Amino acid sequence: MNQTAHPAPGPSSRTYSTQMDAARKGILTKEMETVARQEHFAPERLMSLVAEGKIAIPANRLHTCLHPNGIGSMLRTKINVNLGTSRDCMDLDMELLKVNDAVAMGAEAIMDLSSFGDTQKFRRKLTAECPAIIGTVPIYDAVVYYHKPLAEITSDEWIDIVRMHAMDGVDFLTIHVGINKNTARRFKQAKRLTNIVSRGGSIIFAWMEMTGEENPFYERFDEILDICREYDVTLSLGDACRPGCLDDASDISQIEELITLAELTRRAWDKQVQVMIEGPGHMPLDQIAANMKIQQTLCKGAPFYVLGPLVTDVAPGYDHITAAIGGAVAAAAGASFLCYVTPAEHLRLPDRDDVKEGIIASRIAAHAADIAKGIPGAADWDKKMSTARKKLDWEEMFRLSMDPEKARRYRASSRPEKEDTCSMCGNFCAVKNMNRILDGEIVSIFDE
């Protein structure tokens, strides 16, 4: 196995192994300092929450160009963008353009889900050049890397791939560890409508069924923790049994796996390894807040990372909207990390436009939740926009827009007769007329 991209950490002046270890020792790391400053958070309080596991700062010590971010329900809600090649679409240059777009648009994390081609080359380029948090799913890469039938991959080889990703500088790893022989047996008894829709979950389930062996990520979890501690990698505990349709939401399989993930979280914390918990999935709107509460209770406040949730199954082509609706509710109720969903979800690999639409939808959801949670400074942005609108200051409105380019393009596409209005209202503009009448001017609409 070629593992020479980064040197092993080896001896250093660091007196701590992970961010959690440092926090428990009372050491304020440079990553904690950065997060505290950008979150307007007291450093001592941040350190305390990192020590408890309620805030994670994914920061592989080999990812030296990283701009660190904290993930936790009391911080700004963060956005993750899934990218990567597939057998049908393996243009690495295009994926790198998407990465650059995502970073420019404010995404805090990039998750490489490549499942074909030279995956290690792409992954190493990300950790060498990209300032965003980088995440991967080693189980996908094992199938690509070993290039042999699934059932022939050995337990050792699954663990070796985890180490390879850690050595390549990845900040967080999604490990499908919650589906073991026991949860798999219960899953088969439950008779779900859409079975397992997690790619990683379906792969390890199939491997277990074909080999008769226990999930190696579960059986050898302590070895994985040792790897994560060595490189300061955060574990994202994958939800193999996340619901893939509304009918499967909050079922026995989902909740039983969450209980297993809660037990594994405590084991990780005992070894000073940071953890995030992955969550649904597809879920009716009225179940989302309760699910966030269950997770917070079982997992003792560990950061919750959700895909959506998508609140309806019938909107292919618009799933960035269904996910944003669910994401806003989830984040307002305690989720801290939203995995974006694009209009291409369920249909094809997203292109650059899809990526942009997905990011903006997720950022809207995250910001709406931050306002609801009372995150310091969140509502200030909206107040500045409202002030600019009151003044009919179009340039300031563009500057404050979440997507300035689109806002400017829309206005330019339909020029109004009066430059201080828009083409919808013209002289009927309520803002303009109220400003004038309150200033003591005469308002005459039709003859102006």
Protein backbone atom coordinates (compact mmCIF):
# COMPACT_ATOMS: atom_id res chain seq x y z
CA MET A 1 0.00 0.00 0.00
CA ASN A 2 1.48 3.33 -1.06
CA GLN A 3 1.33 5.59 2.00
CA THR A 4 4.10 8.11 1.36
CA ALA A 5 2.17 11.33 0.70
CA HIS A 6 2.62 12.57 4.27
CA PRO A 7 5.15 11.52 6.88
CA ALA A 8 3.82 9.85 9.99
CA PRO A 9 3.41 12.34 12.85
CA GLY A 10 6.29 10.92 14.87
CA PRO A 11 7.79 12.74 17.85
CA SER A 12 6.94 16.42 18.10
CA SER A 13 6.68 19.24 20.57
CA ARG A 14 2.94 18.61 20.95
CA THR A 15 1.97 17.60 24.45
CA TYR A 16 -1.47 16.38 23.40
CA SER A 17 -2.76 13.81 20.92
CA THR A 18 -6.08 15.32 19.80
CA GLN A 19 -8.07 18.52 20.20
CA MET A 20 -10.16 16.76 22.85
CA ASP A 21 -7.04 15.63 24.71
CA ALA A 22 -5.66 19.18 24.63
CA ALA A 23 -8.91 20.63 25.92
CA ARG A 24 -8.99 18.14 28.80
CA LYS A 25 -5.43 19.13 29.68
CA GLY A 26 -6.33 22.83 29.64
CA ILE A 27 -4.29 23.53 26.49
CA LEU A 28 -5.79 26.15 24.17
CA THR A 29 -4.65 25.04 20.71
CA LYS A 30 -4.27 27.40 17.77
CA GLU A 31 -7.30 25.68 16.21
CA MET A 32 -9.38 26.44 19.31
CA GLU A 33 -8.17 30.04 19.26
CA THR A 34 -9.27 30.41 15.64
CA VAL A 35 -12.69 28.89 16.28
CA ALA A 36 -13.28 30.98 19.41
CA ARG A 37 -12.40 34.16 17.53
CA GLN A 38 -14.59 33.52 14.50
CA GLU A 39 -17.52 32.30 16.61
CA HIS A 40 -17.31 35.21 19.11
CA PHE A 41 -16.97 32.54 21.79
CA ALA A 42 -15.10 32.69 25.09
CA PRO A 43 -11.99 30.48 24.66
CA GLU A 44 -12.41 28.89 28.08
CA ARG A 45 -16.00 27.91 27.36
CA LEU A 46 -15.07 26.55 23.95
CA MET A 47 -12.30 24.47 25.50
CA SER A 48 -14.73 23.07 28.04
CA LEU A 49 -17.21 22.02 25.34
CA VAL A 50 -14.47 20.42 23.24
CA ALA A 51 -13.37 18.50 26.33
CA GLU A 52 -16.95 17.24 26.82
CA GLY A 53 -17.32 16.25 23.15
CA LYS A 54 -20.12 18.73 22.47
CA ILE A 55 -17.94 20.63 20.00
CA ALA A 56 -15.64 18.93 17.49
CA ILE A 57 -12.81 20.64 15.64
CA PRO A 58 -11.82 18.25 12.83
CA ALA A 59 -8.13 18.97 12.21
CA ASN A 60 -5.81 16.20 11.06
CA ARG A 61 -2.34 17.33 12.07
CA LEU A 62 -1.12 16.57 8.51
CA HIS A 63 -3.67 18.89 6.88
CA THR A 64 -1.44 21.91 7.27
CA CYS A 65 -3.39 24.30 4.98
CA LEU A 66 -6.61 23.79 6.97
CA HIS A 67 -8.70 26.73 8.13
CA PRO A 68 -10.27 25.15 11.23
CA ASN A 69 -13.95 25.29 12.07
CA GLY A 70 -15.87 24.11 15.10
CA ILE A 71 -18.94 21.92 14.80
CA GLY A 72 -21.49 21.99 17.62
CA SER A 73 -25.09 23.03 18.21
CA MET A 74 -24.06 26.19 20.07
CA LEU A 75 -21.92 27.40 17.15
CA ARG A 76 -22.88 28.54 13.66
CA THR A 77 -24.39 25.69 11.69
CA LYS A 78 -21.77 24.37 9.25
CA ILE A 79 -22.21 23.07 5.69
CA ASN A 80 -20.63 20.00 4.09
CA VAL A 81 -20.42 19.54 0.32
CA ASN A 82 -20.21 16.04 -1.18
CA LEU A 83 -18.07 15.70 -4.30
CA GLY A 84 -16.06 13.05 -6.11
CA THR A 85 -15.77 10.89 -9.19
CA SER A 86 -17.82 7.89 -10.25
CA ARG A 87 -17.44 5.25 -12.96
CA ASP A 88 -19.75 7.27 -15.23
CA CYS A 89 -18.24 10.69 -14.42
CA MET A 90 -14.53 10.62 -13.65
CA ASP A 91 -13.35 14.13 -14.57
CA LEU A 92 -10.99 15.10 -11.72
CA ASP A 93 -10.54 18.60 -13.08
CA MET A 94 -14.29 19.17 -12.95
CA GLU A 95 -14.42 17.92 -9.36
CA LEU A 96 -11.62 20.33 -8.43
CA LEU A 97 -13.60 23.19 -9.98
CA LYS A 98 -16.53 22.18 -7.80
CA VAL A 99 -14.23 22.19 -4.76
CA ASN A 100 -13.07 25.72 -5.55
CA ASP A 101 -16.66 26.86 -6.09
CA ALA A 102 -17.73 25.35 -2.78
CA VAL A 103 -14.93 27.01 -0.81
CA ALA A 104 -15.62 30.37 -2.50
CA MET A 105 -19.31 30.06 -1.58
CA GLY A 106 -18.57 29.52 2.10
CA ALA A 107 -18.81 25.75 2.58
CA GLU A 108 -16.84 24.75 5.65
CA ALA A 109 -16.28 21.11 4.66
CA ILE A 110 -15.70 19.03 1.54
CA MET A 111 -16.42 15.33 1.56
CA ASP A 112 -14.71 13.27 -1.12
CA LEU A 113 -16.99 10.39 -2.09
CA SER A 114 -14.96 9.29 -5.11
CA SER A 115 -15.73 5.74 -6.17
CA PHE A 116 -13.62 5.40 -9.32
CA GLY A 117 -10.27 6.40 -10.77
CA ASP A 118 -7.16 7.57 -8.91
CA THR A 119 -8.95 8.37 -5.68
CA GLN A 120 -5.79 8.77 -3.62
CA LYS A 121 -4.36 11.38 -5.99
CA PHE A 122 -7.52 13.47 -5.66
CA ARG A 123 -7.68 13.03 -1.89
CA ARG A 124 -4.06 14.04 -1.40
CA LYS A 125 -4.50 17.09 -3.60
CA LEU A 126 -7.43 18.16 -1.42
CA THR A 127 -5.49 17.84 1.84
CA ALA A 128 -2.46 19.55 0.31
CA GLU A 129 -4.29 22.56 -1.13
CA CYS A 130 -7.84 22.95 0.23
CA PRO A 131 -8.44 25.00 3.40
CA ALA A 132 -11.84 23.42 4.06
CA ILE A 133 -12.33 20.48 6.42
CA ILE A 134 -11.86 17.30 4.37
CA GLY A 135 -13.91 14.17 4.99
CA THR A 136 -13.94 10.77 3.30
CA VAL A 137 -15.64 7.37 3.46
CA PRO A 138 -12.89 4.72 3.53
CA ILE A 139 -15.29 1.87 2.76
CA TYR A 140 -15.86 3.25 -0.78
CA ASP A 141 -12.16 3.55 -1.39
CA ALA A 142 -11.41 0.00 -0.28
CA VAL A 143 -13.51 -1.35 -3.13
CA VAL A 144 -11.66 0.92 -5.59
CA TYR A 145 -8.19 0.44 -4.14
CA TYR A 146 -8.10 -3.33 -3.84
CA HIS A 147 -9.96 -3.84 -7.13
CA LYS A 148 -11.22 -7.32 -6.27
CA PRO A 149 -14.56 -8.93 -5.38
CA LEU A 150 -16.12 -7.47 -2.25
CA ALA A 151 -16.21 -10.78 -0.39
CA GLU A 152 -12.45 -11.19 -0.85
CA ILE A 153 -11.54 -7.97 1.00
CA THR A 154 -10.14 -8.97 4.37
CA SER A 155 -10.72 -7.49 7.78
CA ASP A 156 -7.11 -6.27 7.81
CA GLU A 157 -7.58 -4.56 4.46
CA TRP A 158 -10.63 -2.63 5.67
CA ILE A 159 -8.59 -1.29 8.61
CA ASP A 160 -5.58 -0.54 6.39
CA ILE A 161 -7.73 1.77 4.27
CA VAL A 162 -8.75 3.71 7.38
CA ARG A 163 -5.07 4.22 8.21
CA MET A 164 -4.26 5.25 4.64
CA HIS A 165 -6.91 7.98 4.69
CA ALA A 166 -5.65 9.24 8.05
CA MET A 167 -2.10 9.33 6.68
CA ASP A 168 -3.34 11.24 3.64
CA GLY A 169 -4.42 14.10 5.93
CA VAL A 170 -8.18 13.59 6.06
CA ASP A 171 -9.84 15.51 8.92
CA PHE A 172 -12.89 13.31 9.47
CA LEU A 173 -13.76 9.78 8.45
CA THR A 174 -17.23 8.38 8.06
CA ILE A 175 -17.08 4.84 9.41
CA HIS A 176 -20.12 2.58 9.06
CA VAL A 177 -19.62 0.95 12.42
CA GLY A 178 -23.15 0.86 13.84
CA ILE A 179 -24.43 -2.00 11.71
CA ASN A 180 -23.08 -5.14 13.36
CA LYS A 181 -24.41 -8.69 13.28
CA ASN A 182 -27.05 -7.89 15.87
CA THR A 183 -28.38 -4.73 14.22
CA ALA A 184 -28.23 -6.43 10.80
CA ARG A 185 -30.38 -9.29 12.09
CA ARG A 186 -32.94 -6.84 13.47
CA PHE A 187 -32.88 -4.93 10.19
CA LYS A 188 -33.81 -8.07 8.25
CA GLN A 189 -36.67 -8.72 10.66
CA ALA A 190 -38.01 -5.17 10.33
CA LYS A 191 -38.88 -5.49 6.61
CA ARG A 192 -38.22 -1.93 5.52
CA LEU A 193 -39.77 -0.38 2.42
CA THR A 194 -36.47 0.90 0.96
CA ASN A 195 -34.02 -1.36 2.83
CA ILE A 196 -30.55 0.22 3.31
CA VAL A 197 -29.95 3.30 1.13
CA SER A 198 -26.54 4.20 2.57
CA ARG A 199 -23.87 3.21 0.05
CA GLY A 200 -21.35 2.40 2.76
CA GLY A 201 -23.97 0.65 4.84
CA SER A 202 -25.08 -1.52 1.95
CA ILE A 203 -21.46 -2.46 1.14
CA ILE A 204 -20.57 -3.58 4.67
CA PHE A 205 -23.95 -5.34 5.09
CA ALA A 206 -23.32 -7.28 1.88
CA TRP A 207 -19.78 -8.14 3.02
CA MET A 208 -21.09 -9.45 6.35
CA GLU A 209 -23.78 -11.51 4.63
CA MET A 210 -21.33 -13.05 2.15
CA THR A 211 -18.50 -13.76 4.60
CA GLY A 212 -20.47 -14.50 7.76
CA GLU A 213 -18.02 -12.31 9.66
CA GLU A 214 -18.66 -9.43 12.04
CA ASN A 215 -18.36 -5.85 10.75
CA PRO A 216 -14.59 -5.25 11.10
CA PHE A 217 -15.13 -1.57 11.88
CA TYR A 218 -17.24 -2.61 14.87
CA GLU A 219 -15.14 -5.61 15.89
CA ARG A 220 -11.87 -3.67 15.68
CA PHE A 221 -13.18 -0.28 16.77
CA ASP A 222 -10.36 0.21 19.28
CA GLU A 223 -7.80 -0.09 16.45
CA ILE A 224 -9.66 2.58 14.51
CA LEU A 225 -9.63 4.81 17.58
CA ASP A 226 -5.88 4.36 17.89
CA ILE A 227 -5.43 5.48 14.29
CA CYS A 228 -7.67 8.51 14.81
CA ARG A 229 -5.83 9.48 17.97
CA GLU A 230 -2.45 9.19 16.25
CA TYR A 231 -3.38 11.63 13.47
CA ASP A 232 -6.07 13.64 15.30
CA VAL A 233 -8.85 12.48 13.00
CA THR A 234 -12.48 13.05 13.96
CA LEU A 235 -14.80 10.07 13.60
CA SER A 236 -18.12 10.61 11.89
CA LEU A 237 -20.14 7.59 12.94
CA GLY A 238 -22.08 6.68 9.81
CA ASP A 239 -25.75 5.74 9.91
CA ALA A 240 -26.02 2.72 7.66
CA CYS A 241 -29.70 2.45 8.61
CA ARG A 242 -30.69 6.02 7.96
CA PRO A 243 -34.23 6.10 6.52
CA GLY A 244 -34.36 6.32 2.73
CA CYS A 245 -38.04 7.23 2.59
CA LEU A 246 -40.66 8.74 4.87
CA ASP A 247 -42.16 5.32 5.52
CA ASP A 248 -38.94 4.10 7.16
CA ALA A 249 -38.31 7.16 9.33
CA SER A 250 -37.81 6.63 13.07
CA ASP A 251 -38.13 2.84 12.72
CA ILE A 252 -36.48 0.16 14.85
CA SER A 253 -33.43 -0.13 12.59
CA GLN A 254 -32.67 3.59 12.73
CA ILE A 255 -33.11 3.90 16.48
CA GLU A 256 -31.29 0.67 17.35
CA GLU A 257 -28.29 1.75 15.28
CA LEU A 258 -28.32 5.14 17.02
CA ILE A 259 -28.15 3.37 20.39
CA THR A 260 -25.08 1.47 19.15
CA LEU A 261 -23.51 4.73 17.94
CA ALA A 262 -24.11 6.27 21.37
CA GLU A 263 -22.20 3.42 23.01
CA LEU A 264 -19.34 3.80 20.53
CA THR A 265 -19.26 7.56 21.13
CA ARG A 266 -18.45 7.02 24.77
CA ARG A 267 -15.70 4.56 23.85
CA ALA A 268 -14.21 7.12 21.46
CA TRP A 269 -14.30 9.86 24.08
CA ASP A 270 -12.53 7.57 26.52
CA LYS A 271 -9.61 7.59 24.04
CA GLN A 272 -9.83 11.38 23.46
CA VAL A 273 -11.14 10.91 19.90
CA GLN A 274 -13.64 13.49 18.67
CA VAL A 275 -16.96 12.22 17.31
CA MET A 276 -19.85 13.36 15.16
CA ILE A 277 -23.06 11.35 14.78
CA GLU A 278 -24.65 11.01 11.35
CA GLY A 279 -28.43 11.17 11.07
CA PRO A 280 -31.35 10.98 8.65
CA GLY A 281 -32.12 10.86 5.82
CA HIS A 282 -35.77 11.12 4.77
CA MET A 283 -38.18 12.11 7.53
CA PRO A 284 -41.62 13.73 7.93
CA LEU A 285 -41.38 17.30 9.15
CA ASP A 286 -43.14 16.58 12.44
CA GLN A 287 -40.58 13.91 13.47
CA ILE A 288 -37.39 15.92 12.94
CA ALA A 289 -37.18 17.87 16.20
CA ALA A 290 -37.92 14.74 18.25
CA ASN A 291 -35.14 12.87 16.45
CA MET A 292 -32.67 15.64 17.26
CA LYS A 293 -33.67 15.40 20.94
CA ILE A 294 -33.24 11.62 20.98
CA GLN A 295 -29.77 11.94 19.48
CA GLN A 296 -28.70 14.65 21.91
CA THR A 297 -29.93 12.56 24.83
CA LEU A 298 -28.43 9.22 23.79
CA CYS A 299 -25.14 10.65 22.50
CA LYS A 300 -24.67 13.19 25.32
CA GLY A 301 -24.65 16.23 23.04
CA ALA A 302 -22.16 14.98 20.44
CA PRO A 303 -22.46 17.04 17.21
CA PHE A 304 -25.18 15.75 14.91
CA TYR A 305 -24.53 15.65 11.15
CA VAL A 306 -27.65 15.28 8.99
CA LEU A 307 -28.33 14.68 5.30
CA GLY A 308 -31.33 16.95 4.87
CA PRO A 309 -33.54 15.52 6.27
CA LEU A 310 -35.67 15.41 3.13
CA VAL A 311 -39.26 16.07 4.16
CA THR A 312 -40.95 14.52 1.12
CA ASP A 313 -40.04 11.77 -1.34
CA VAL A 314 -41.79 13.18 -4.42
CA ALA A 315 -39.63 16.13 -5.54
CA PRO A 316 -36.74 14.78 -7.67
CA GLY A 317 -35.05 17.76 -9.28
CA TYR A 318 -35.97 19.91 -6.27
CA ASP A 319 -34.51 17.89 -3.41
CA HIS A 320 -32.24 20.80 -2.46
CA ILE A 321 -35.46 22.51 -1.37
CA THR A 322 -36.94 19.52 0.47
CA ALA A 323 -33.60 19.10 2.25
CA ALA A 324 -33.33 22.78 3.15
CA ILE A 325 -36.76 22.68 4.78
CA GLY A 326 -35.77 19.69 6.88
CA GLY A 327 -32.28 21.05 7.53
CA ALA A 328 -33.61 24.29 8.95
CA VAL A 329 -35.86 22.44 11.37
CA ALA A 330 -33.09 19.99 12.29
CA ALA A 331 -30.49 22.68 12.93
CA ALA A 332 -32.91 24.82 14.92
CA ALA A 333 -33.56 21.73 17.07
CA GLY A 334 -29.89 20.93 17.65
CA ALA A 335 -28.19 19.54 14.52
CA SER A 336 -24.87 21.29 13.94
CA PHE A 337 -23.68 20.09 10.54
CA LEU A 338 -25.79 19.98 7.37
CA CYS A 339 -24.76 17.86 4.43
CA TYR A 340 -25.95 19.70 1.36
CA VAL A 341 -28.34 18.10 -1.10
CA THR A 342 -28.42 19.21 -4.74
CA PRO A 343 -31.20 19.25 -7.34
CA ALA A 344 -29.47 16.20 -8.86
CA GLU A 345 -30.02 14.03 -5.76
CA HIS A 346 -31.48 10.64 -6.74
CA LEU A 347 -30.92 11.47 -10.43
CA ARG A 348 -27.22 11.91 -11.39
CA LEU A 349 -23.84 13.24 -10.34
CA PRO A 350 -24.29 16.98 -9.69
CA ASP A 351 -22.70 19.48 -12.06
CA ARG A 352 -21.30 22.89 -11.02
CA ASP A 353 -24.69 24.58 -11.17
CA ASP A 354 -26.22 21.82 -9.05
CA VAL A 355 -23.44 22.22 -6.49
CA LYS A 356 -24.10 25.95 -6.27
CA GLU A 357 -27.85 25.48 -5.86
CA GLY A 358 -27.29 22.88 -3.17
CA ILE A 359 -24.84 25.03 -1.22
CA ILE A 360 -27.08 28.10 -1.27
CA ALA A 361 -30.12 26.10 -0.18
CA SER A 362 -28.15 24.59 2.71
CA ARG A 363 -26.68 27.96 3.71
CA ILE A 364 -30.18 29.44 3.83
CA ALA A 365 -31.31 26.59 6.06
CA ALA A 366 -28.26 26.94 8.30
CA HIS A 367 -28.64 30.71 8.64
CA ALA A 368 -32.36 30.48 9.36
CA ALA A 369 -31.60 27.98 12.13
CA ASP A 370 -28.81 30.14 13.56
CA ILE A 371 -31.25 33.04 13.89
CA ALA A 372 -33.75 30.77 15.63
CA LYS A 373 -31.04 29.49 18.01
CA GLY A 374 -29.86 33.01 18.82
CA ILE A 375 -26.31 32.45 17.57
CA PRO A 376 -24.39 35.70 18.24
CA GLY A 377 -24.29 37.92 15.16
CA ALA A 378 -26.64 35.81 13.04
CA ALA A 379 -29.54 38.26 12.99
CA ASP A 380 -27.20 41.23 12.50
CA TRP A 381 -26.71 40.25 8.86
CA ASP A 382 -30.48 40.39 8.26
CA LYS A 383 -30.76 43.74 10.02
CA LYS A 384 -28.09 45.22 7.76
CA MET A 385 -29.95 43.93 4.71
CA SER A 386 -33.22 45.40 5.97
CA THR A 387 -31.51 48.76 6.50
CA ALA A 388 -30.16 48.70 2.95
CA ARG A 389 -33.63 47.86 1.60
CA LYS A 390 -35.17 50.71 3.54
CA LYS A 391 -32.63 53.06 1.99
CA LEU A 392 -33.10 51.49 -1.47
CA ASP A 393 -29.33 51.05 -1.50
CA TRP A 394 -29.03 48.45 -4.22
CA GLU A 395 -25.25 48.09 -4.14
CA GLU A 396 -25.32 47.41 -0.42
CA MET A 397 -28.10 44.87 -0.94
CA PHE A 398 -25.96 43.06 -3.50
CA ARG A 399 -22.97 43.12 -1.17
CA LEU A 400 -24.98 41.60 1.68
CA SER A 401 -26.67 38.94 -0.46
CA MET A 402 -25.91 35.29 0.13
CA ASP A 403 -25.49 35.03 -3.65
CA PRO A 404 -24.50 38.52 -4.87
CA GLU A 405 -23.97 37.41 -8.47
CA LYS A 406 -27.51 36.06 -8.84
CA ALA A 407 -29.09 39.05 -7.12
CA ARG A 408 -27.24 41.46 -9.41
CA ARG A 409 -28.05 39.37 -12.51
CA TYR A 410 -31.77 39.24 -11.72
CA ARG A 411 -32.00 42.99 -11.29
CA ALA A 412 -30.03 43.66 -14.46
CA SER A 413 -32.26 41.35 -16.48
CA SER A 414 -35.31 43.60 -16.00
CA ARG A 415 -34.33 47.23 -15.65
CA PRO A 416 -36.94 49.51 -14.03
CA GLU A 417 -37.92 52.92 -15.36
CA LYS A 418 -36.86 54.48 -12.07
CA GLU A 419 -33.44 53.30 -10.90
CA ASP A 420 -34.36 53.49 -7.22
CA THR A 421 -37.18 50.95 -7.68
CA CYS A 422 -37.50 47.49 -9.24
CA SER A 423 -39.58 46.42 -12.24
CA MET A 424 -42.20 44.74 -10.07
CA CYS A 425 -43.51 47.86 -8.32
CA GLY A 426 -42.00 50.89 -10.03
CA ASN A 427 -43.70 54.00 -8.67
CA PHE A 428 -45.93 51.79 -6.53
CA CYS A 429 -42.87 50.92 -4.41
CA ALA A 430 -44.04 50.99 -0.79
CA VAL A 431 -40.54 51.57 0.54
CA LYS A 432 -39.92 54.57 -1.69
CA ASN A 433 -43.33 56.10 -1.02
CA MET A 434 -43.11 55.62 2.75
CA ASN A 435 -39.66 57.20 2.86
CA ARG A 436 -40.97 60.21 0.96
CA ILE A 437 -44.19 60.70 2.88
CA LEU A 438 -42.42 60.40 6.24
CA ASP A 439 -39.92 63.00 5.05
CA GLY A 440 -42.83 65.39 4.40
CA GLU A 441 -42.81 65.06 0.61
CA ILE A 442 -45.79 64.79 -1.70
CA VAL A 443 -46.43 61.32 -3.12
CA SER A 444 -48.08 61.17 -6.53
CA ILE A 445 -47.79 57.78 -8.15
CA PHE A 446 -49.21 57.91 -11.68
CA ASP A 447 -47.80 61.23 -12.91
CA GLU A 448 -44.24 60.82 -11.72
